[in-house]
N, C-alpha and C. Protein backbone atom coordinates (compact mmCIF):
# COMPACT_ATOMS: atom_id res chain seq x y z
N GLY A 1 -0.51 12.78 -11.93
CA GLY A 1 -0.45 12.68 -10.48
C GLY A 1 0.46 11.54 -10.05
N ALA A 2 0.66 11.48 -8.78
CA ALA A 2 1.52 10.46 -8.19
C ALA A 2 0.81 9.12 -8.11
N HIS A 3 1.57 8.06 -8.27
CA HIS A 3 1.05 6.72 -8.04
C HIS A 3 1.12 6.46 -6.53
N ILE A 4 0.30 5.56 -6.06
CA ILE A 4 0.31 5.19 -4.65
C ILE A 4 0.96 3.82 -4.53
N CYS A 5 1.87 3.71 -3.59
CA CYS A 5 2.47 2.42 -3.26
C CYS A 5 2.01 2.08 -1.85
N ALA A 6 1.13 1.09 -1.74
CA ALA A 6 0.61 0.64 -0.45
C ALA A 6 1.54 -0.43 0.10
N LEU A 7 1.98 -0.25 1.33
CA LEU A 7 2.99 -1.11 1.95
C LEU A 7 2.45 -1.73 3.23
N ILE A 8 2.67 -3.03 3.39
CA ILE A 8 2.36 -3.70 4.66
C ILE A 8 3.59 -4.50 5.09
N GLN A 9 3.74 -4.61 6.40
CA GLN A 9 4.81 -5.43 6.94
C GLN A 9 4.36 -6.88 6.93
N ALA A 10 5.21 -7.76 6.45
CA ALA A 10 4.85 -9.18 6.35
C ALA A 10 5.57 -10.03 7.40
N GLY A 11 6.29 -9.38 8.30
CA GLY A 11 6.98 -10.11 9.37
C GLY A 11 8.38 -10.53 8.98
N ARG A 12 9.23 -10.67 10.01
CA ARG A 12 10.61 -11.12 9.83
C ARG A 12 11.38 -10.26 8.82
N GLY A 13 11.12 -8.95 8.85
CA GLY A 13 11.85 -8.04 7.98
C GLY A 13 11.40 -8.05 6.53
N ARG A 14 10.26 -8.68 6.27
CA ARG A 14 9.74 -8.74 4.90
C ARG A 14 8.57 -7.77 4.76
N TYR A 15 8.34 -7.35 3.50
CA TYR A 15 7.27 -6.42 3.19
C TYR A 15 6.53 -6.89 1.94
N ASN A 16 5.30 -6.46 1.83
CA ASN A 16 4.52 -6.64 0.60
C ASN A 16 4.07 -5.24 0.18
N TRP A 17 4.10 -4.97 -1.12
CA TRP A 17 3.66 -3.68 -1.61
C TRP A 17 3.02 -3.82 -2.98
N CYS A 18 2.20 -2.82 -3.30
CA CYS A 18 1.46 -2.84 -4.54
C CYS A 18 1.26 -1.39 -4.99
N TYR A 19 1.39 -1.16 -6.30
CA TYR A 19 1.22 0.19 -6.85
C TYR A 19 -0.19 0.37 -7.41
N PHE A 20 -0.69 1.60 -7.27
CA PHE A 20 -2.00 1.97 -7.79
C PHE A 20 -1.85 3.25 -8.59
N ALA A 21 -2.38 3.27 -9.81
CA ALA A 21 -2.34 4.46 -10.65
C ALA A 21 -3.35 5.48 -10.13
N PRO A 22 -3.07 6.78 -10.31
CA PRO A 22 -3.98 7.79 -9.77
C PRO A 22 -5.39 7.75 -10.36
N GLU A 23 -5.51 7.32 -11.58
CA GLU A 23 -6.83 7.29 -12.22
C GLU A 23 -7.51 5.93 -12.12
N ALA A 24 -6.96 5.03 -11.34
CA ALA A 24 -7.43 3.64 -11.30
C ALA A 24 -8.80 3.48 -10.64
N GLY A 25 -9.18 4.36 -9.74
CA GLY A 25 -10.45 4.17 -9.04
C GLY A 25 -10.34 3.04 -8.04
N ILE A 26 -11.42 2.32 -7.86
CA ILE A 26 -11.43 1.20 -6.92
C ILE A 26 -10.80 -0.02 -7.59
N VAL A 27 -9.74 -0.52 -6.99
CA VAL A 27 -9.00 -1.65 -7.55
C VAL A 27 -8.86 -2.71 -6.47
N ARG A 28 -9.06 -3.94 -6.85
CA ARG A 28 -8.84 -5.07 -5.94
C ARG A 28 -7.74 -5.93 -6.55
N PRO A 29 -6.49 -5.62 -6.24
CA PRO A 29 -5.39 -6.37 -6.85
C PRO A 29 -5.36 -7.82 -6.40
N ALA A 30 -4.90 -8.67 -7.28
CA ALA A 30 -4.71 -10.08 -6.95
C ALA A 30 -3.37 -10.24 -6.23
N ALA A 31 -3.15 -11.39 -5.65
CA ALA A 31 -1.88 -11.64 -4.96
C ALA A 31 -0.70 -11.46 -5.90
N ALA A 32 -0.87 -11.83 -7.17
CA ALA A 32 0.22 -11.71 -8.14
C ALA A 32 0.58 -10.26 -8.46
N ASP A 33 -0.31 -9.31 -8.13
CA ASP A 33 -0.04 -7.90 -8.38
C ASP A 33 0.85 -7.27 -7.32
N HIS A 34 1.09 -7.98 -6.23
CA HIS A 34 1.90 -7.48 -5.13
C HIS A 34 3.36 -7.89 -5.32
N ALA A 35 4.24 -7.02 -4.89
CA ALA A 35 5.67 -7.35 -4.83
C ALA A 35 5.98 -7.72 -3.39
N ALA A 36 7.06 -8.45 -3.20
CA ALA A 36 7.44 -8.88 -1.86
C ALA A 36 8.95 -8.90 -1.75
N GLY A 37 9.42 -8.64 -0.56
CA GLY A 37 10.85 -8.72 -0.33
C GLY A 37 11.25 -7.98 0.93
N LYS A 38 12.54 -7.90 1.13
CA LYS A 38 13.08 -7.19 2.29
C LYS A 38 13.27 -5.72 1.92
N LEU A 39 13.78 -4.94 2.84
CA LEU A 39 13.90 -3.51 2.67
C LEU A 39 14.70 -3.13 1.42
N ASP A 40 15.79 -3.84 1.14
CA ASP A 40 16.60 -3.48 -0.03
C ASP A 40 15.82 -3.68 -1.33
N ALA A 41 15.00 -4.71 -1.41
CA ALA A 41 14.19 -4.94 -2.61
C ALA A 41 13.14 -3.84 -2.77
N LEU A 42 12.53 -3.42 -1.67
CA LEU A 42 11.56 -2.33 -1.70
C LEU A 42 12.22 -1.05 -2.18
N MET A 43 13.38 -0.72 -1.64
CA MET A 43 14.08 0.51 -2.02
C MET A 43 14.49 0.48 -3.49
N ASP A 44 14.98 -0.66 -3.95
CA ASP A 44 15.35 -0.80 -5.37
C ASP A 44 14.13 -0.60 -6.27
N ASP A 45 13.00 -1.17 -5.86
CA ASP A 45 11.78 -1.06 -6.65
C ASP A 45 11.29 0.39 -6.69
N LEU A 46 11.30 1.06 -5.56
CA LEU A 46 10.87 2.47 -5.52
C LEU A 46 11.80 3.35 -6.34
N ALA A 47 13.10 3.10 -6.26
CA ALA A 47 14.08 3.91 -7.00
C ALA A 47 13.93 3.72 -8.51
N ALA A 48 13.51 2.54 -8.93
CA ALA A 48 13.37 2.24 -10.36
C ALA A 48 12.03 2.69 -10.93
N TYR A 49 11.09 3.07 -10.07
CA TYR A 49 9.76 3.46 -10.54
C TYR A 49 9.87 4.77 -11.31
N ASN A 50 9.18 4.87 -12.44
CA ASN A 50 9.34 6.02 -13.34
C ASN A 50 8.48 7.22 -13.00
N ASP A 51 7.50 7.08 -12.13
CA ASP A 51 6.59 8.16 -11.80
C ASP A 51 6.73 8.53 -10.33
N PRO A 52 6.26 9.73 -9.96
CA PRO A 52 6.24 10.08 -8.53
C PRO A 52 5.39 9.08 -7.76
N VAL A 53 5.79 8.81 -6.52
CA VAL A 53 5.12 7.79 -5.71
C VAL A 53 4.82 8.35 -4.32
N TRP A 54 3.58 8.11 -3.87
CA TRP A 54 3.22 8.36 -2.48
C TRP A 54 3.25 7.01 -1.78
N LEU A 55 4.15 6.85 -0.84
CA LEU A 55 4.27 5.60 -0.09
C LEU A 55 3.37 5.69 1.14
N VAL A 56 2.42 4.78 1.24
CA VAL A 56 1.46 4.80 2.34
C VAL A 56 1.41 3.42 2.99
N GLY A 57 0.99 3.39 4.23
CA GLY A 57 0.82 2.11 4.92
C GLY A 57 1.68 2.03 6.16
N GLU A 58 2.20 0.87 6.42
CA GLU A 58 2.95 0.60 7.64
C GLU A 58 4.41 1.02 7.45
N ILE A 59 4.63 2.30 7.62
CA ILE A 59 5.95 2.89 7.34
C ILE A 59 6.68 3.10 8.66
N SER A 60 7.75 2.34 8.84
CA SER A 60 8.55 2.46 10.07
C SER A 60 9.55 3.62 9.91
N THR A 61 10.20 3.93 11.01
CA THR A 61 11.25 4.96 10.99
C THR A 61 12.36 4.54 10.04
N GLU A 62 12.68 3.25 10.02
CA GLU A 62 13.73 2.73 9.13
C GLU A 62 13.36 2.94 7.66
N ILE A 63 12.13 2.65 7.31
CA ILE A 63 11.68 2.84 5.92
C ILE A 63 11.68 4.33 5.58
N ARG A 64 11.18 5.16 6.47
CA ARG A 64 11.13 6.60 6.24
C ARG A 64 12.53 7.14 5.95
N GLY A 65 13.49 6.69 6.74
CA GLY A 65 14.87 7.13 6.52
C GLY A 65 15.43 6.64 5.20
N ALA A 66 15.11 5.40 4.84
CA ALA A 66 15.64 4.82 3.61
C ALA A 66 15.08 5.50 2.36
N VAL A 67 13.81 5.90 2.39
CA VAL A 67 13.20 6.51 1.20
C VAL A 67 13.51 8.00 1.09
N SER A 68 14.03 8.60 2.16
CA SER A 68 14.26 10.05 2.15
C SER A 68 15.22 10.46 1.03
N GLY A 69 16.08 9.57 0.59
CA GLY A 69 17.03 9.90 -0.46
C GLY A 69 16.58 9.52 -1.86
N ILE A 70 15.37 9.00 -1.99
CA ILE A 70 14.88 8.58 -3.31
C ILE A 70 14.02 9.69 -3.90
N GLU A 71 14.48 10.25 -4.99
CA GLU A 71 13.76 11.34 -5.63
C GLU A 71 12.40 10.87 -6.13
N GLY A 72 11.38 11.68 -5.89
CA GLY A 72 10.05 11.37 -6.38
C GLY A 72 9.21 10.53 -5.45
N VAL A 73 9.77 10.11 -4.31
CA VAL A 73 9.02 9.28 -3.36
C VAL A 73 8.72 10.11 -2.11
N VAL A 74 7.44 10.16 -1.75
CA VAL A 74 7.02 10.85 -0.54
C VAL A 74 6.39 9.81 0.38
N ALA A 75 6.96 9.68 1.58
CA ALA A 75 6.41 8.75 2.58
C ALA A 75 5.41 9.49 3.45
N PHE A 76 4.19 8.99 3.51
CA PHE A 76 3.16 9.64 4.33
C PHE A 76 3.45 9.41 5.80
N GLY A 77 2.87 10.24 6.64
CA GLY A 77 3.10 10.19 8.07
C GLY A 77 2.75 8.85 8.68
N ALA A 78 3.41 8.54 9.78
CA ALA A 78 3.22 7.26 10.46
C ALA A 78 1.78 7.09 10.94
N ILE A 79 1.13 8.17 11.29
CA ILE A 79 -0.24 8.06 11.81
C ILE A 79 -1.18 7.48 10.75
N ALA A 80 -0.89 7.73 9.48
CA ALA A 80 -1.74 7.22 8.40
C ALA A 80 -1.62 5.71 8.26
N GLY A 81 -0.56 5.12 8.80
CA GLY A 81 -0.35 3.69 8.67
C GLY A 81 -0.81 2.87 9.85
N LEU A 82 -1.35 3.53 10.87
CA LEU A 82 -1.80 2.78 12.03
C LEU A 82 -3.01 1.92 11.68
N ARG A 83 -3.06 0.75 12.25
CA ARG A 83 -4.20 -0.14 12.02
C ARG A 83 -5.32 0.26 12.96
N ARG A 84 -6.25 1.00 12.42
CA ARG A 84 -7.37 1.50 13.21
C ARG A 84 -8.67 1.16 12.51
N ALA A 85 -9.61 0.61 13.26
CA ALA A 85 -10.91 0.26 12.69
C ALA A 85 -11.62 1.50 12.15
N GLY A 86 -11.41 2.65 12.78
CA GLY A 86 -12.05 3.87 12.33
C GLY A 86 -11.63 4.28 10.93
N SER A 87 -10.37 4.03 10.57
CA SER A 87 -9.89 4.35 9.22
C SER A 87 -10.61 3.48 8.18
N LEU A 88 -10.75 2.21 8.49
CA LEU A 88 -11.45 1.30 7.59
C LEU A 88 -12.92 1.68 7.48
N ALA A 89 -13.53 2.04 8.60
CA ALA A 89 -14.94 2.44 8.60
C ALA A 89 -15.15 3.71 7.77
N ALA A 90 -14.22 4.67 7.87
CA ALA A 90 -14.34 5.91 7.09
C ALA A 90 -14.25 5.63 5.59
N ALA A 91 -13.33 4.74 5.21
CA ALA A 91 -13.21 4.37 3.80
C ALA A 91 -14.47 3.65 3.32
N ALA A 92 -14.98 2.74 4.13
CA ALA A 92 -16.20 2.01 3.77
C ALA A 92 -17.39 2.96 3.65
N ASN A 93 -17.48 3.92 4.55
CA ASN A 93 -18.58 4.88 4.51
C ASN A 93 -18.55 5.69 3.21
N ALA A 94 -17.36 6.10 2.78
CA ALA A 94 -17.25 6.86 1.52
C ALA A 94 -17.69 6.01 0.33
N LEU A 95 -17.35 4.72 0.35
CA LEU A 95 -17.76 3.83 -0.74
C LEU A 95 -19.27 3.61 -0.72
N PHE A 96 -19.83 3.40 0.46
CA PHE A 96 -21.29 3.23 0.56
C PHE A 96 -22.02 4.46 0.06
N ALA A 97 -21.52 5.64 0.45
CA ALA A 97 -22.15 6.89 0.03
C ALA A 97 -22.09 7.06 -1.49
N ALA A 98 -21.06 6.50 -2.11
CA ALA A 98 -20.91 6.58 -3.57
C ALA A 98 -21.70 5.48 -4.28
N GLY A 99 -22.38 4.62 -3.52
CA GLY A 99 -23.19 3.56 -4.12
C GLY A 99 -22.42 2.30 -4.48
N VAL A 100 -21.21 2.17 -3.98
CA VAL A 100 -20.40 0.99 -4.26
C VAL A 100 -20.80 -0.13 -3.31
N GLU A 101 -21.14 -1.28 -3.86
CA GLU A 101 -21.50 -2.43 -3.04
C GLU A 101 -20.57 -3.59 -3.36
N ASP A 102 -20.24 -4.35 -2.35
CA ASP A 102 -19.38 -5.51 -2.51
C ASP A 102 -20.17 -6.78 -2.31
N THR A 103 -19.75 -7.84 -2.99
CA THR A 103 -20.33 -9.16 -2.75
C THR A 103 -19.51 -9.83 -1.66
N LEU A 104 -20.02 -10.92 -1.12
CA LEU A 104 -19.25 -11.66 -0.13
C LEU A 104 -17.94 -12.18 -0.72
N LEU A 105 -17.95 -12.52 -1.98
CA LEU A 105 -16.73 -12.97 -2.64
C LEU A 105 -15.68 -11.86 -2.67
N ASP A 106 -16.10 -10.62 -2.91
CA ASP A 106 -15.17 -9.48 -2.92
C ASP A 106 -14.53 -9.27 -1.56
N LEU A 107 -15.22 -9.64 -0.50
CA LEU A 107 -14.77 -9.35 0.85
C LEU A 107 -13.94 -10.46 1.47
N GLN A 108 -13.63 -11.50 0.71
CA GLN A 108 -12.80 -12.58 1.22
C GLN A 108 -11.36 -12.10 1.39
N PRO A 109 -10.64 -12.63 2.38
CA PRO A 109 -9.25 -12.20 2.58
C PRO A 109 -8.36 -12.60 1.41
N LEU A 110 -7.33 -11.82 1.19
CA LEU A 110 -6.35 -12.09 0.14
C LEU A 110 -5.07 -12.56 0.81
N TYR A 111 -4.69 -13.80 0.58
CA TYR A 111 -3.47 -14.33 1.17
C TYR A 111 -2.32 -14.15 0.19
N LEU A 112 -1.28 -13.41 0.62
CA LEU A 112 -0.16 -13.12 -0.26
C LEU A 112 0.86 -14.23 -0.29
N ARG A 113 0.83 -15.10 0.71
CA ARG A 113 1.69 -16.29 0.71
C ARG A 113 1.04 -17.32 1.61
N ALA A 114 1.44 -18.56 1.44
CA ALA A 114 0.88 -19.64 2.27
C ALA A 114 1.27 -19.44 3.73
N PRO A 115 0.35 -19.70 4.65
CA PRO A 115 0.67 -19.52 6.09
C PRO A 115 1.77 -20.46 6.56
């Protein structure tokens, strides 16, 4: 199956992204597991990836256009990247239903760079 590349905008034309294997299950990557850079670095990284990739997250029109020429990369619709509390609640509900519980330590924010 395809790997997932989760993308967030980090401001000032920068992005952070992280890959997840299809069989990985629930993963809480560390800050060191994320890549960071501008659009050209993201495109180079996606083009060099050896497996099919589903790009999800905060995907702008510019990113969608840039990835359209990269074989094996599918950018999910913009609606999937909207920051909506309902999306987070639906994901949490599925985890609760599966019996997954988090500790307070698990729920602490992950800072990808110093403020």
